[in-house]
Amino acid sequence: MTTPRPARRPQARKYVNAASAELLARCFPGMIPALVIEEALREKAVREGRLPATRRTT
């Protein structure tokens, strides 16, 4: 009999600290963390002039 492998953890968790996890849980319950982070990064890049503002249709 072989021992079962431990469940795989998503790689993105290593980039989410305790404060970020609390914000995600409190302000964006039920949302996919990767999408929340992507939207925040996109907005920050536009604010800083690193990405031209584009309209998203989704």
PDB file of N, CA and C in Angstrom:
ATOM      1  N   MET A   1       0.840  -1.187   0.000  1.00  0.00           N
ATOM      2  CA  MET A   1       0.000   0.000   0.000  1.00  0.00           C
ATOM      3  C   MET A   1       0.885   1.249   0.000  1.00  0.00           C
ATOM      4  N   THR A   2       0.545   2.195  -0.831  1.00  0.00           N
ATOM      5  CA  THR A   2       1.326   3.431  -0.910  1.00  0.00           C
ATOM      6  C   THR A   2       0.674   4.500  -0.053  1.00  0.00           C
ATOM      7  N   THR A   3       1.460   5.428   0.392  1.00  0.00           N
ATOM      8  CA  THR A   3       0.914   6.525   1.191  1.00  0.00           C
ATOM      9  C   THR A   3       0.326   7.567   0.250  1.00  0.00           C
ATOM     10  N   PRO A   4      -0.806   8.157   0.600  1.00  0.00           N
ATOM     11  CA  PRO A   4      -1.420   9.165  -0.284  1.00  0.00           C
ATOM     12  C   PRO A   4      -0.587  10.430  -0.323  1.00  0.00           C
ATOM     13  N   ARG A   5      -0.588  11.061  -1.466  1.00  0.00           N
ATOM     14  CA  ARG A   5       0.127  12.329  -1.620  1.00  0.00           C
ATOM     15  C   ARG A   5      -0.649  13.444  -0.941  1.00  0.00           C
ATOM     16  N   PRO A   6       0.049  14.422  -0.400  1.00  0.00           N
ATOM     17  CA  PRO A   6      -0.666  15.572   0.163  1.00  0.00           C
ATOM     18  C   PRO A   6      -1.321  16.373  -0.968  1.00  0.00           C
ATOM     19  N   ALA A   7      -2.408  17.042  -0.634  1.00  0.00           N
ATOM     20  CA  ALA A   7      -3.124  17.844  -1.627  1.00  0.00           C
ATOM     21  C   ALA A   7      -2.233  18.975  -2.120  1.00  0.00           C
ATOM     22  N   ARG A   8      -2.312  19.253  -3.405  1.00  0.00           N
ATOM     23  CA  ARG A   8      -1.524  20.345  -3.975  1.00  0.00           C
ATOM     24  C   ARG A   8      -2.132  21.675  -3.577  1.00  0.00           C
ATOM     25  N   ARG A   9      -1.269  22.611  -3.249  1.00  0.00           N
ATOM     26  CA  ARG A   9      -1.722  23.963  -2.926  1.00  0.00           C
ATOM     27  C   ARG A   9      -1.514  24.855  -4.134  1.00  0.00           C
ATOM     28  N   PRO A  10      -2.439  25.749  -4.407  1.00  0.00           N
ATOM     29  CA  PRO A  10      -2.237  26.677  -5.517  1.00  0.00           C
ATOM     30  C   PRO A  10      -0.978  27.519  -5.319  1.00  0.00           C
ATOM     31  N   GLN A  11      -0.248  27.758  -6.385  1.00  0.00           N
ATOM     32  CA  GLN A  11       0.991  28.521  -6.304  1.00  0.00           C
ATOM     33  C   GLN A  11       0.762  29.974  -5.900  1.00  0.00           C
ATOM     34  N   ALA A  12      -0.402  30.535  -6.236  1.00  0.00           N
ATOM     35  CA  ALA A  12      -0.660  31.947  -5.943  1.00  0.00           C
ATOM     36  C   ALA A  12      -0.667  32.232  -4.447  1.00  0.00           C
ATOM     37  N   ARG A  13      -0.930  31.238  -3.616  1.00  0.00           N
ATOM     38  CA  ARG A  13      -1.004  31.489  -2.175  1.00  0.00           C
ATOM     39  C   ARG A  13       0.297  32.040  -1.609  1.00  0.00           C
ATOM     40  N   LYS A  14       1.422  31.716  -2.211  1.00  0.00           N
ATOM     41  CA  LYS A  14       2.670  32.218  -1.653  1.00  0.00           C
ATOM     42  C   LYS A  14       2.810  33.726  -1.853  1.00  0.00           C
ATOM     43  N   TYR A  15       1.986  34.318  -2.700  1.00  0.00           N
ATOM     44  CA  TYR A  15       2.029  35.760  -2.932  1.00  0.00           C
ATOM     45  C   TYR A  15       0.975  36.510  -2.114  1.00  0.00           C
ATOM     46  N   VAL A  16       0.113  35.796  -1.411  1.00  0.00           N
ATOM     47  CA  VAL A  16      -0.948  36.424  -0.625  1.00  0.00           C
ATOM     48  C   VAL A  16      -0.582  36.283   0.845  1.00  0.00           C
ATOM     49  N   ASN A  17      -0.275  37.409   1.484  1.00  0.00           N
ATOM     50  CA  ASN A  17       0.071  37.363   2.904  1.00  0.00           C
ATOM     51  C   ASN A  17      -1.205  37.414   3.747  1.00  0.00           C
ATOM     52  N   ALA A  18      -1.059  37.407   5.053  1.00  0.00           N
ATOM     53  CA  ALA A  18      -2.208  37.365   5.951  1.00  0.00           C
ATOM     54  C   ALA A  18      -3.108  38.591   5.780  1.00  0.00           C
ATOM     55  N   ALA A  19      -2.507  39.773   5.629  1.00  0.00           N
ATOM     56  CA  ALA A  19      -3.303  40.999   5.468  1.00  0.00           C
ATOM     57  C   ALA A  19      -4.082  40.973   4.157  1.00  0.00           C
ATOM     58  N   SER A  20      -3.449  40.493   3.084  1.00  0.00           N
ATOM     59  CA  SER A  20      -4.127  40.394   1.789  1.00  0.00           C
ATOM     60  C   SER A  20      -5.266  39.389   1.850  1.00  0.00           C
ATOM     61  N   ALA A  21      -5.027  38.259   2.506  1.00  0.00           N
ATOM     62  CA  ALA A  21      -6.065  37.241   2.633  1.00  0.00           C
ATOM     63  C   ALA A  21      -7.267  37.774   3.398  1.00  0.00           C
ATOM     64  N   GLU A  22      -7.013  38.573   4.435  1.00  0.00           N
ATOM     65  CA  GLU A  22      -8.112  39.162   5.203  1.00  0.00           C
ATOM     66  C   GLU A  22      -8.907  40.153   4.358  1.00  0.00           C
ATOM     67  N   LEU A  23      -8.195  40.990   3.585  1.00  0.00           N
ATOM     68  CA  LEU A  23      -8.886  41.935   2.698  1.00  0.00           C
ATOM     69  C   LEU A  23      -9.732  41.205   1.660  1.00  0.00           C
ATOM     70  N   LEU A  24      -9.175  40.164   1.078  1.00  0.00           N
ATOM     71  CA  LEU A  24      -9.923  39.385   0.091  1.00  0.00           C
ATOM     72  C   LEU A  24     -11.180  38.797   0.710  1.00  0.00           C
ATOM     73  N   ALA A  25     -11.056  38.227   1.908  1.00  0.00           N
ATOM     74  CA  ALA A  25     -12.196  37.598   2.567  1.00  0.00           C
ATOM     75  C   ALA A  25     -13.251  38.621   2.981  1.00  0.00           C
ATOM     76  N   ARG A  26     -12.808  39.784   3.454  1.00  0.00           N
ATOM     77  CA  ARG A  26     -13.748  40.785   3.963  1.00  0.00           C
ATOM     78  C   ARG A  26     -14.395  41.607   2.845  1.00  0.00           C
ATOM     79  N   CYS A  27     -13.599  42.031   1.872  1.00  0.00           N
ATOM     80  CA  CYS A  27     -14.098  42.951   0.847  1.00  0.00           C
ATOM     81  C   CYS A  27     -14.556  42.279  -0.437  1.00  0.00           C
ATOM     82  N   PHE A  28     -14.044  41.084  -0.713  1.00  0.00           N
ATOM     83  CA  PHE A  28     -14.366  40.406  -1.958  1.00  0.00           C
ATOM     84  C   PHE A  28     -14.743  38.945  -1.702  1.00  0.00           C
ATOM     85  N   PRO A  29     -15.722  38.705  -0.815  1.00  0.00           N
ATOM     86  CA  PRO A  29     -16.064  37.313  -0.501  1.00  0.00           C
ATOM     87  C   PRO A  29     -16.616  36.578  -1.717  1.00  0.00           C
ATOM     88  N   GLY A  30     -16.170  35.358  -1.901  1.00  0.00           N
ATOM     89  CA  GLY A  30     -16.666  34.539  -2.995  1.00  0.00           C
ATOM     90  C   GLY A  30     -16.013  34.798  -4.336  1.00  0.00           C
ATOM     91  N   MET A  31     -15.194  35.835  -4.434  1.00  0.00           N
ATOM     92  CA  MET A  31     -14.536  36.123  -5.704  1.00  0.00           C
ATOM     93  C   MET A  31     -13.233  35.348  -5.801  1.00  0.00           C
ATOM     94  N   ILE A  32     -12.808  35.068  -7.001  1.00  0.00           N
ATOM     95  CA  ILE A  32     -11.569  34.344  -7.233  1.00  0.00           C
ATOM     96  C   ILE A  32     -10.406  35.304  -6.970  1.00  0.00           C
ATOM     97  N   PRO A  33      -9.534  34.962  -6.010  1.00  0.00           N
ATOM     98  CA  PRO A  33      -8.442  35.878  -5.654  1.00  0.00           C
ATOM     99  C   PRO A  33      -7.581  36.300  -6.839  1.00  0.00           C
ATOM    100  N   ALA A  34      -7.297  35.405  -7.766  1.00  0.00           N
ATOM    101  CA  ALA A  34      -6.454  35.765  -8.910  1.00  0.00           C
ATOM    102  C   ALA A  34      -7.095  36.870  -9.743  1.00  0.00           C
ATOM    103  N   LEU A  35      -8.414  36.865  -9.884  1.00  0.00           N
ATOM    104  CA  LEU A  35      -9.086  37.908 -10.663  1.00  0.00           C
ATOM    105  C   LEU A  35      -9.080  39.237  -9.931  1.00  0.00           C
ATOM    106  N   VAL A  36      -9.252  39.199  -8.622  1.00  0.00           N
ATOM    107  CA  VAL A  36      -9.198  40.432  -7.828  1.00  0.00           C
ATOM    108  C   VAL A  36      -7.809  41.048  -7.922  1.00  0.00           C
ATOM    109  N   ILE A  37      -6.784  40.215  -7.800  1.00  0.00           N
ATOM    110  CA  ILE A  37      -5.403  40.694  -7.872  1.00  0.00           C
ATOM    111  C   ILE A  37      -5.091  41.229  -9.264  1.00  0.00           C
ATOM    112  N   GLU A  38      -5.552  40.537 -10.308  1.00  0.00           N
ATOM    113  CA  GLU A  38      -5.315  41.003 -11.676  1.00  0.00           C
ATOM    114  C   GLU A  38      -5.936  42.374 -11.906  1.00  0.00           C
ATOM    115  N   GLU A  39      -7.167  42.552 -11.449  1.00  0.00           N
ATOM    116  CA  GLU A  39      -7.845  43.842 -11.635  1.00  0.00           C
ATOM    117  C   GLU A  39      -7.108  44.949 -10.879  1.00  0.00           C
ATOM    118  N   ALA A  40      -6.673  44.669  -9.665  1.00  0.00           N
ATOM    119  CA  ALA A  40      -5.957  45.669  -8.874  1.00  0.00           C
ATOM    120  C   ALA A  40      -4.625  46.033  -9.532  1.00  0.00           C
ATOM    121  N   LEU A  41      -3.911  45.047 -10.047  1.00  0.00           N
ATOM    122  CA  LEU A  41      -2.642  45.322 -10.726  1.00  0.00           C
ATOM    123  C   LEU A  41      -2.855  46.131 -11.993  1.00  0.00           C
ATOM    124  N   ARG A  42      -3.907  45.804 -12.746  1.00  0.00           N
ATOM    125  CA  ARG A  42      -4.206  46.548 -13.973  1.00  0.00           C
ATOM    126  C   ARG A  42      -4.516  48.010 -13.643  1.00  0.00           C
ATOM    127  N   GLU A  43      -5.357  48.244 -12.626  1.00  0.00           N
ATOM    128  CA  GLU A  43      -5.699  49.611 -12.239  1.00  0.00           C
ATOM    129  C   GLU A  43      -4.463  50.377 -11.765  1.00  0.00           C
ATOM    130  N   LYS A  44      -3.596  49.726 -11.011  1.00  0.00           N
ATOM    131  CA  LYS A  44      -2.365  50.368 -10.543  1.00  0.00           C
ATOM    132  C   LYS A  44      -1.456  50.719 -11.721  1.00  0.00           C
ATOM    133  N   ALA A  45      -1.320  49.811 -12.681  1.00  0.00           N
ATOM    134  CA  ALA A  45      -0.474  50.059 -13.852  1.00  0.00           C
ATOM    135  C   ALA A  45      -0.997  51.238 -14.672  1.00  0.00           C
ATOM    136  N   VAL A  46      -2.311  51.339 -14.816  1.00  0.00           N
ATOM    137  CA  VAL A  46      -2.899  52.458 -15.560  1.00  0.00           C
ATOM    138  C   VAL A  46      -2.652  53.763 -14.801  1.00  0.00           C
ATOM    139  N   ARG A  47      -2.877  53.749 -13.479  1.00  0.00           N
ATOM    140  CA  ARG A  47      -2.641  54.956 -12.663  1.00  0.00           C
ATOM    141  C   ARG A  47      -1.211  55.441 -12.763  1.00  0.00           C
ATOM    142  N   GLU A  48      -0.266  54.503 -12.798  1.00  0.00           N
ATOM    143  CA  GLU A  48       1.153  54.868 -12.845  1.00  0.00           C
ATOM    144  C   GLU A  48       1.657  55.125 -14.258  1.00  0.00           C
ATOM    145  N   GLY A  49       0.791  54.997 -15.251  1.00  0.00           N
ATOM    146  CA  GLY A  49       1.179  55.266 -16.623  1.00  0.00           C
ATOM    147  C   GLY A  49       1.990  54.155 -17.266  1.00  0.00           C
ATOM    148  N   ARG A  50       1.981  52.980 -16.682  1.00  0.00           N
ATOM    149  CA  ARG A  50       2.726  51.851 -17.235  1.00  0.00           C
ATOM    150  C   ARG A  50       1.918  51.085 -18.272  1.00  0.00           C
ATOM    151  N   LEU A  51       0.611  51.310 -18.307  1.00  0.00           N
ATOM    152  CA  LEU A  51      -0.281  50.612 -19.222  1.00  0.00           C
ATOM    153  C   LEU A  51      -1.320  51.605 -19.712  1.00  0.00           C
ATOM    154  N   PRO A  52      -1.514  51.696 -21.021  1.00  0.00           N
ATOM    155  CA  PRO A  52      -2.544  52.623 -21.496  1.00  0.00           C
ATOM    156  C   PRO A  52      -3.918  52.132 -21.073  1.00  0.00           C
ATOM    157  N   ALA A  53      -4.782  53.068 -20.738  1.00  0.00           N
ATOM    158  CA  ALA A  53      -6.134  52.720 -20.319  1.00  0.00           C
ATOM    159  C   ALA A  53      -6.908  52.119 -21.484  1.00  0.00           C
ATOM    160  N   THR A  54      -7.464  50.959 -21.272  1.00  0.00           N
ATOM    161  CA  THR A  54      -8.303  50.312 -22.277  1.00  0.00           C
ATOM    162  C   THR A  54      -9.606  49.900 -21.634  1.00  0.00           C
ATOM    163  N   ARG A  55     -10.645  49.784 -22.418  1.00  0.00           N
ATOM    164  CA  ARG A  55     -11.939  49.368 -21.898  1.00  0.00           C
ATOM    165  C   ARG A  55     -12.052  47.864 -22.002  1.00  0.00           C
ATOM    166  N   ARG A  56     -12.478  47.242 -20.930  1.00  0.00           N
ATOM    167  CA  ARG A  56     -12.699  45.797 -20.932  1.00  0.00           C
ATOM    168  C   ARG A  56     -14.177  45.555 -21.114  1.00  0.00           C
ATOM    169  N   THR A  57     -14.515  44.531 -21.880  1.00  0.00           N
ATOM    170  CA  THR A  57     -15.925  44.258 -22.154  1.00  0.00           C
ATOM    171  C   THR A  57     -16.468  43.125 -21.304  1.00  0.00           C
ATOM    172  N   THR A  58     -15.680  42.585 -20.405  1.00  0.00           N
ATOM    173  CA  THR A  58     -16.164  41.481 -19.568  1.00  0.00           C
ATOM    174  C   THR A  58     -16.581  41.940 -18.220  1.00  0.00           C
TER     175      THR A  58
END
